[in-house]
Amino acid sequence: MKNLNTPISRNKRRGAFTLIEILIVIGILSMLLALTSPIIGMVGGAQNRARAKSDISLIATALEAFKGRFSIYPLCNAAEDEITAAKNLYKCLDGKLYPKAEGGVISFVDAPKGVKPFLDRSKMNVCSQADRYNRDLDFDSLTDVFLADPWLEPYLYFYDTNNIVGERGSWRNPGFILMSKGQDNKAVQVGDMYTSGMMPDEDSYRTPVENVDNIVFGFDD
């Protein structure tokens, strides 16, 4: 006769985790997240800096092409108004503004339609001042767009009003300065960079802590 009182198997699968087990798993995951977050942040920061350097190099190449055609760089300066200068820089490199000389005075006027851009905007972050996160922009109607760095702040362009850039500092492209304020979006006006387009030596520029993460064409390229 069969024994109907067969013991229950010890290998029977448990139905659920206990509260203590769940709390232990959550604790372990929290520790792992705390350990990996700084690493992820460092990787993201390095990628953004690399992107900014690449962008600045593309803008510099476009500026040289602009000068090659018109024998002059765009006459706008971030020292006067960062956003306005960034907008005008974009318009010049997008073929919407060009220099015109009248009575010995050079001004920048609307370019005729069909002028070939000097910069491929599809490779850049182009932002609207009204909504920097909007990527569905109507470039034909908007007038407040500018070239933005990975942190969605305008790339700063300083035109050398003295035409003697290169006599100071280590940068290698006379005529203009291009820079990003970096992740903290802070910069200190060093020397006469913000007034004449003259770049100070690198040690002087890097001394203020706000400038440490800035990316400057000629220093960082």
C-alpha atoms as a PDB file:
ATOM      1  CA  MET A   1       0.000   0.000   0.000  1.00  0.00           C
ATOM      2  CA  LYS A   2       1.205   3.521  -0.845  1.00  0.00           C
ATOM      3  CA  ASN A   3       2.183   5.793   1.963  1.00  0.00           C
ATOM      4  CA  LEU A   4      -0.117   8.817   1.672  1.00  0.00           C
ATOM      5  CA  ASN A   5       1.923  10.778   4.194  1.00  0.00           C
ATOM      6  CA  THR A   6       4.899  11.445   1.907  1.00  0.00           C
ATOM      7  CA  PRO A   7       6.960  14.387   3.282  1.00  0.00           C
ATOM      8  CA  ILE A   8       6.827  17.670   1.324  1.00  0.00           C
ATOM      9  CA  SER A   9       9.946  18.149  -0.848  1.00  0.00           C
ATOM     10  CA  ARG A  10      12.537  20.457   0.639  1.00  0.00           C
ATOM     11  CA  ASN A  11      13.316  21.735  -2.868  1.00  0.00           C
ATOM     12  CA  LYS A  12       9.917  23.266  -3.349  1.00  0.00           C
ATOM     13  CA  ARG A  13      10.443  26.789  -4.834  1.00  0.00           C
ATOM     14  CA  ARG A  14       9.627  29.734  -2.628  1.00  0.00           C
ATOM     15  CA  GLY A  15       6.821  31.973  -3.796  1.00  0.00           C
ATOM     16  CA  ALA A  16       8.323  35.445  -3.166  1.00  0.00           C
ATOM     17  CA  PHE A  17      11.192  37.487  -1.733  1.00  0.00           C
ATOM     18  CA  THR A  18      11.017  38.620   1.831  1.00  0.00           C
ATOM     19  CA  LEU A  19      11.016  42.315   2.707  1.00  0.00           C
ATOM     20  CA  ILE A  20      14.537  42.050   4.098  1.00  0.00           C
ATOM     21  CA  GLU A  21      15.830  40.535   0.855  1.00  0.00           C
ATOM     22  CA  ILE A  22      14.222  43.309  -1.185  1.00  0.00           C
ATOM     23  CA  LEU A  23      15.781  45.968   1.047  1.00  0.00           C
ATOM     24  CA  ILE A  24      19.201  44.337   0.701  1.00  0.00           C
ATOM     25  CA  VAL A  25      18.933  44.350  -3.113  1.00  0.00           C
ATOM     26  CA  ILE A  26      17.854  48.004  -3.115  1.00  0.00           C
ATOM     27  CA  GLY A  27      20.787  48.870  -0.866  1.00  0.00           C
ATOM     28  CA  ILE A  28      23.266  47.120  -3.156  1.00  0.00           C
ATOM     29  CA  LEU A  29      21.837  48.849  -6.236  1.00  0.00           C
ATOM     30  CA  SER A  30      22.028  52.224  -4.488  1.00  0.00           C
ATOM     31  CA  MET A  31      25.682  51.635  -3.636  1.00  0.00           C
ATOM     32  CA  LEU A  32      26.488  50.656  -7.216  1.00  0.00           C
ATOM     33  CA  LEU A  33      24.707  53.749  -8.549  1.00  0.00           C
ATOM     34  CA  ALA A  34      26.637  55.985  -6.166  1.00  0.00           C
ATOM     35  CA  LEU A  35      29.903  54.431  -7.295  1.00  0.00           C
ATOM     36  CA  THR A  36      29.201  54.620 -11.025  1.00  0.00           C
ATOM     37  CA  SER A  37      27.551  58.066 -11.219  1.00  0.00           C
ATOM     38  CA  PRO A  38      30.837  60.019 -10.999  1.00  0.00           C
ATOM     39  CA  ILE A  39      32.349  57.806 -13.688  1.00  0.00           C
ATOM     40  CA  ILE A  40      29.367  58.353 -15.971  1.00  0.00           C
ATOM     41  CA  GLY A  41      29.615  62.089 -15.319  1.00  0.00           C
ATOM     42  CA  MET A  42      33.307  62.107 -16.197  1.00  0.00           C
ATOM     43  CA  VAL A  43      32.665  60.238 -19.451  1.00  0.00           C
ATOM     44  CA  GLY A  44      29.846  62.606 -20.368  1.00  0.00           C
ATOM     45  CA  GLY A  45      31.997  65.623 -19.550  1.00  0.00           C
ATOM     46  CA  ALA A  46      34.850  64.324 -21.701  1.00  0.00           C
ATOM     47  CA  GLN A  47      32.465  63.707 -24.602  1.00  0.00           C
ATOM     48  CA  ASN A  48      31.058  67.227 -24.333  1.00  0.00           C
ATOM     49  CA  ARG A  49      34.529  68.761 -24.287  1.00  0.00           C
ATOM     50  CA  ALA A  50      35.522  66.727 -27.331  1.00  0.00           C
ATOM     51  CA  ARG A  51      32.346  67.850 -29.096  1.00  0.00           C
ATOM     52  CA  ALA A  52      33.002  71.489 -28.227  1.00  0.00           C
ATOM     53  CA  LYS A  53      36.562  71.307 -29.564  1.00  0.00           C
ATOM     54  CA  SER A  54      35.296  69.745 -32.788  1.00  0.00           C
ATOM     55  CA  ASP A  55      32.603  72.416 -33.150  1.00  0.00           C
ATOM     56  CA  ILE A  56      35.080  75.230 -32.585  1.00  0.00           C
ATOM     57  CA  SER A  57      37.409  73.768 -35.186  1.00  0.00           C
ATOM     58  CA  LEU A  58      34.552  73.669 -37.715  1.00  0.00           C
ATOM     59  CA  ILE A  59      33.592  77.268 -36.921  1.00  0.00           C
ATOM     60  CA  ALA A  60      37.219  78.395 -37.288  1.00  0.00           C
ATOM     61  CA  THR A  61      37.461  76.705 -40.686  1.00  0.00           C
ATOM     62  CA  ALA A  62      34.227  78.416 -41.754  1.00  0.00           C
ATOM     63  CA  LEU A  63      35.587  81.782 -40.591  1.00  0.00           C
ATOM     64  CA  GLU A  64      38.694  81.308 -42.701  1.00  0.00           C
ATOM     65  CA  ALA A  65      36.488  80.486 -45.699  1.00  0.00           C
ATOM     66  CA  PHE A  66      34.448  83.621 -44.998  1.00  0.00           C
ATOM     67  CA  LYS A  67      37.597  85.721 -44.912  1.00  0.00           C
ATOM     68  CA  GLY A  68      38.867  84.018 -48.049  1.00  0.00           C
ATOM     69  CA  ARG A  69      35.784  85.249 -49.877  1.00  0.00           C
ATOM     70  CA  PHE A  70      35.327  88.721 -48.372  1.00  0.00           C
ATOM     71  CA  SER A  71      38.894  89.497 -47.151  1.00  0.00           C
ATOM     72  CA  ILE A  72      37.568  90.208 -43.676  1.00  0.00           C
ATOM     73  CA  TYR A  73      36.277  88.319 -40.670  1.00  0.00           C
ATOM     74  CA  PRO A  74      32.799  89.023 -39.279  1.00  0.00           C
ATOM     75  CA  LEU A  75      32.982  92.284 -37.329  1.00  0.00           C
ATOM     76  CA  CYS A  76      31.083  91.245 -34.219  1.00  0.00           C
ATOM     77  CA  ASN A  77      32.322  90.858 -30.683  1.00  0.00           C
ATOM     78  CA  ALA A  78      30.920  88.876 -27.750  1.00  0.00           C
ATOM     79  CA  ALA A  79      32.229  91.555 -25.410  1.00  0.00           C
ATOM     80  CA  GLU A  80      29.406  93.861 -26.492  1.00  0.00           C
ATOM     81  CA  ASP A  81      26.610  91.289 -26.250  1.00  0.00           C
ATOM     82  CA  GLU A  82      27.266  87.541 -26.241  1.00  0.00           C
ATOM     83  CA  ILE A  83      23.896  86.516 -27.694  1.00  0.00           C
ATOM     84  CA  THR A  84      23.797  89.241 -30.355  1.00  0.00           C
ATOM     85  CA  ALA A  85      27.342  88.428 -31.448  1.00  0.00           C
ATOM     86  CA  ALA A  86      26.475  84.714 -31.577  1.00  0.00           C
ATOM     87  CA  LYS A  87      23.408  85.441 -33.725  1.00  0.00           C
ATOM     88  CA  ASN A  88      25.386  87.607 -36.137  1.00  0.00           C
ATOM     89  CA  LEU A  89      28.167  85.037 -36.321  1.00  0.00           C
ATOM     90  CA  TYR A  90      25.629  82.379 -37.266  1.00  0.00           C
ATOM     91  CA  LYS A  91      24.085  84.629 -39.927  1.00  0.00           C
ATOM     92  CA  CYS A  92      27.478  85.348 -41.474  1.00  0.00           C
ATOM     93  CA  LEU A  93      28.504  81.692 -41.611  1.00  0.00           C
ATOM     94  CA  ASP A  94      25.063  80.621 -42.828  1.00  0.00           C
ATOM     95  CA  GLY A  95      25.301  83.015 -45.777  1.00  0.00           C
ATOM     96  CA  LYS A  96      22.678  85.479 -44.511  1.00  0.00           C
ATOM     97  CA  LEU A  97      24.992  88.448 -43.816  1.00  0.00           C
ATOM     98  CA  TYR A  98      27.951  89.778 -45.772  1.00  0.00           C
ATOM     99  CA  PRO A  99      30.194  92.853 -45.527  1.00  0.00           C
ATOM    100  CA  LYS A 100      29.566  95.929 -47.619  1.00  0.00           C
ATOM    101  CA  ALA A 101      31.826  98.987 -47.805  1.00  0.00           C
ATOM    102  CA  GLU A 102      30.362 102.436 -48.343  1.00  0.00           C
ATOM    103  CA  GLY A 103      32.187 105.701 -47.769  1.00  0.00           C
ATOM    104  CA  GLY A 104      35.081 103.896 -46.133  1.00  0.00           C
ATOM    105  CA  VAL A 105      32.769 102.265 -43.590  1.00  0.00           C
ATOM    106  CA  ILE A 106      32.222  98.513 -43.513  1.00  0.00           C
ATOM    107  CA  SER A 107      28.795  97.284 -42.475  1.00  0.00           C
ATOM    108  CA  PHE A 108      27.161  93.875 -42.594  1.00  0.00           C
ATOM    109  CA  VAL A 109      23.938  93.699 -44.569  1.00  0.00           C
ATOM    110  CA  ASP A 110      21.470  91.016 -45.594  1.00  0.00           C
ATOM    111  CA  ALA A 111      22.937  88.766 -48.245  1.00  0.00           C
ATOM    112  CA  PRO A 112      20.989  87.945 -51.400  1.00  0.00           C
ATOM    113  CA  LYS A 113      19.209  84.607 -51.421  1.00  0.00           C
ATOM    114  CA  GLY A 114      21.140  81.623 -52.658  1.00  0.00           C
ATOM    115  CA  VAL A 115      24.466  82.476 -51.033  1.00  0.00           C
ATOM    116  CA  LYS A 116      26.210  79.232 -50.139  1.00  0.00           C
ATOM    117  CA  PRO A 117      26.723  78.734 -46.372  1.00  0.00           C
ATOM    118  CA  PHE A 118      30.256  78.536 -45.048  1.00  0.00           C
ATOM    119  CA  LEU A 119      29.267  76.082 -42.309  1.00  0.00           C
ATOM    120  CA  ASP A 120      27.164  72.900 -42.394  1.00  0.00           C
ATOM    121  CA  ARG A 121      24.635  73.610 -39.649  1.00  0.00           C
ATOM    122  CA  SER A 122      23.541  69.961 -39.585  1.00  0.00           C
ATOM    123  CA  LYS A 123      26.831  69.197 -37.810  1.00  0.00           C
ATOM    124  CA  MET A 124      26.227  71.815 -35.115  1.00  0.00           C
ATOM    125  CA  ASN A 125      23.886  72.579 -32.258  1.00  0.00           C
ATOM    126  CA  VAL A 126      21.761  75.456 -33.528  1.00  0.00           C
ATOM    127  CA  CYS A 127      19.521  76.895 -30.813  1.00  0.00           C
ATOM    128  CA  SER A 128      16.772  79.458 -30.681  1.00  0.00           C
ATOM    129  CA  GLN A 129      17.075  81.988 -27.894  1.00  0.00           C
ATOM    130  CA  ALA A 130      13.343  81.579 -27.223  1.00  0.00           C
ATOM    131  CA  ASP A 131      13.626  77.811 -26.678  1.00  0.00           C
ATOM    132  CA  ARG A 132      17.102  76.308 -26.573  1.00  0.00           C
ATOM    133  CA  TYR A 133      15.774  72.747 -26.373  1.00  0.00           C
ATOM    134  CA  ASN A 134      13.666  72.984 -29.528  1.00  0.00           C
ATOM    135  CA  ARG A 135      15.300  71.125 -32.413  1.00  0.00           C
ATOM    136  CA  ASP A 136      12.453  71.619 -34.917  1.00  0.00           C
ATOM    137  CA  LEU A 137      13.518  75.062 -36.093  1.00  0.00           C
ATOM    138  CA  ASP A 138      12.326  77.012 -39.113  1.00  0.00           C
ATOM    139  CA  PHE A 139      15.643  78.506 -40.187  1.00  0.00           C
ATOM    140  CA  ASP A 140      14.075  80.633 -42.919  1.00  0.00           C
ATOM    141  CA  SER A 141      11.872  82.592 -40.531  1.00  0.00           C
ATOM    142  CA  LEU A 142      13.762  82.607 -37.225  1.00  0.00           C
ATOM    143  CA  THR A 143      16.150  85.461 -36.491  1.00  0.00           C
ATOM    144  CA  ASP A 144      17.210  84.548 -32.941  1.00  0.00           C
ATOM    145  CA  VAL A 145      19.246  81.409 -33.610  1.00  0.00           C
ATOM    146  CA  PHE A 146      22.891  80.910 -32.692  1.00  0.00           C
ATOM    147  CA  LEU A 147      25.597  78.246 -32.638  1.00  0.00           C
ATOM    148  CA  ALA A 148      25.510  76.556 -29.239  1.00  0.00           C
ATOM    149  CA  ASP A 149      28.010  74.438 -27.355  1.00  0.00           C
ATOM    150  CA  PRO A 150      27.083  71.040 -25.817  1.00  0.00           C
ATOM    151  CA  TRP A 151      25.711  72.881 -22.775  1.00  0.00           C
ATOM    152  CA  LEU A 152      23.395  74.920 -25.060  1.00  0.00           C
ATOM    153  CA  GLU A 153      25.248  78.182 -24.447  1.00  0.00           C
ATOM    154  CA  PRO A 154      26.493  80.347 -27.322  1.00  0.00           C
ATOM    155  CA  TYR A 155      30.004  79.914 -28.622  1.00  0.00           C
ATOM    156  CA  LEU A 156      31.759  83.208 -27.953  1.00  0.00           C
ATOM    157  CA  TYR A 157      33.433  85.009 -30.837  1.00  0.00           C
ATOM    158  CA  PHE A 158      35.824  87.904 -30.328  1.00  0.00           C
ATOM    159  CA  TYR A 159      37.058  89.853 -33.315  1.00  0.00           C
ATOM    160  CA  ASP A 160      40.561  91.265 -33.052  1.00  0.00           C
ATOM    161  CA  THR A 161      40.038  95.003 -33.432  1.00  0.00           C
ATOM    162  CA  ASN A 162      43.791  95.677 -33.387  1.00  0.00           C
ATOM    163  CA  ASN A 163      44.803  93.093 -35.990  1.00  0.00           C
ATOM    164  CA  ILE A 164      47.809  92.100 -33.906  1.00  0.00           C
ATOM    165  CA  VAL A 165      46.595  88.910 -32.276  1.00  0.00           C
ATOM    166  CA  GLY A 166      49.402  86.391 -32.054  1.00  0.00           C
ATOM    167  CA  GLU A 167      51.944  88.665 -30.407  1.00  0.00           C
ATOM    168  CA  ARG A 168      50.694  87.459 -27.038  1.00  0.00           C
ATOM    169  CA  GLY A 169      49.720  84.015 -25.890  1.00  0.00           C
ATOM    170  CA  SER A 170      50.105  80.667 -27.574  1.00  0.00           C
ATOM    171  CA  TRP A 171      47.104  80.534 -29.844  1.00  0.00           C
ATOM    172  CA  ARG A 172      47.697  80.132 -33.548  1.00  0.00           C
ATOM    173  CA  ASN A 173      44.912  81.823 -35.491  1.00  0.00           C
ATOM    174  CA  PRO A 174      45.276  85.624 -35.790  1.00  0.00           C
ATOM    175  CA  GLY A 175      42.114  87.641 -36.191  1.00  0.00           C
ATOM    176  CA  PHE A 176      39.590  86.104 -33.819  1.00  0.00           C
ATOM    177  CA  ILE A 177      39.042  84.145 -30.636  1.00  0.00           C
ATOM    178  CA  LEU A 178      36.516  81.337 -30.301  1.00  0.00           C
ATOM    179  CA  MET A 179      35.616  79.871 -26.938  1.00  0.00           C
ATOM    180  CA  SER A 180      33.110  77.949 -24.849  1.00  0.00           C
ATOM    181  CA  LYS A 181      32.620  78.741 -21.174  1.00  0.00           C
ATOM    182  CA  GLY A 182      32.438  75.034 -20.453  1.00  0.00           C
ATOM    183  CA  GLN A 183      30.089  73.155 -18.185  1.00  0.00           C
ATOM    184  CA  ASP A 184      29.898  75.830 -15.474  1.00  0.00           C
ATOM    185  CA  ASN A 185      29.066  78.593 -18.026  1.00  0.00           C
ATOM    186  CA  LYS A 186      31.424  80.962 -16.232  1.00  0.00           C
ATOM    187  CA  ALA A 187      34.298  83.075 -17.468  1.00  0.00           C
ATOM    188  CA  VAL A 188      36.366  85.934 -16.125  1.00  0.00           C
ATOM    189  CA  GLN A 189      37.221  88.836 -18.405  1.00  0.00           C
ATOM    190  CA  VAL A 190      40.993  88.516 -18.445  1.00  0.00           C
ATOM    191  CA  GLY A 191      43.225  91.299 -19.718  1.00  0.00           C
ATOM    192  CA  ASP A 192      41.819  93.120 -22.736  1.00  0.00           C
ATOM    193  CA  MET A 193      40.393  89.995 -24.375  1.00  0.00           C
ATOM    194  CA  TYR A 194      36.862  91.328 -23.991  1.00  0.00           C
ATOM    195  CA  THR A 195      37.710  94.741 -25.419  1.00  0.00           C
ATOM    196  CA  SER A 196      40.257  94.300 -28.182  1.00  0.00           C
ATOM    197  CA  GLY A 197      40.272  90.586 -28.979  1.00  0.00           C
ATOM    198  CA  MET A 198      43.745  90.197 -27.516  1.00  0.00           C
ATOM    199  CA  MET A 199      44.336  86.888 -25.782  1.00  0.00           C
ATOM    200  CA  PRO A 200      46.454  86.873 -22.600  1.00  0.00           C
ATOM    201  CA  ASP A 201      49.058  84.206 -21.980  1.00  0.00           C
ATOM    202  CA  GLU A 202      47.637  80.859 -20.942  1.00  0.00           C
ATOM    203  CA  ASP A 203      48.847  80.975 -17.328  1.00  0.00           C
ATOM    204  CA  SER A 204      47.123  84.294 -16.726  1.00  0.00           C
ATOM    205  CA  TYR A 205      43.947  83.103 -18.370  1.00  0.00           C
ATOM    206  CA  ARG A 206      43.759  79.806 -16.490  1.00  0.00           C
ATOM    207  CA  THR A 207      44.467  81.247 -13.037  1.00  0.00           C
ATOM    208  CA  PRO A 208      40.838  82.174 -12.161  1.00  0.00           C
ATOM    209  CA  VAL A 209      39.009  78.982 -11.227  1.00  0.00           C
ATOM    210  CA  GLU A 210      36.055  79.978 -13.420  1.00  0.00           C
ATOM    211  CA  ASN A 211      38.240  79.702 -16.514  1.00  0.00           C
ATOM    212  CA  VAL A 212      39.694  76.258 -15.841  1.00  0.00           C
ATOM    213  CA  ASP A 213      37.037  74.357 -17.824  1.00  0.00           C
ATOM    214  CA  ASN A 214      36.790  76.905 -20.648  1.00  0.00           C
ATOM    215  CA  ILE A 215      37.700  75.749 -24.137  1.00  0.00           C
ATOM    216  CA  VAL A 216      39.624  78.300 -26.231  1.00  0.00           C
ATOM    217  CA  PHE A 217      40.605  77.860 -29.851  1.00  0.00           C
ATOM    218  CA  GLY A 218      44.385  77.885 -30.002  1.00  0.00           C
ATOM    219  CA  PHE A 219      44.823  76.810 -26.392  1.00  0.00           C
ATOM    220  CA  ASP A 220      42.845  73.583 -26.556  1.00  0.00           C
ATOM    221  CA  ASP A 221      42.699  72.603 -30.222  1.00  0.00           C
END
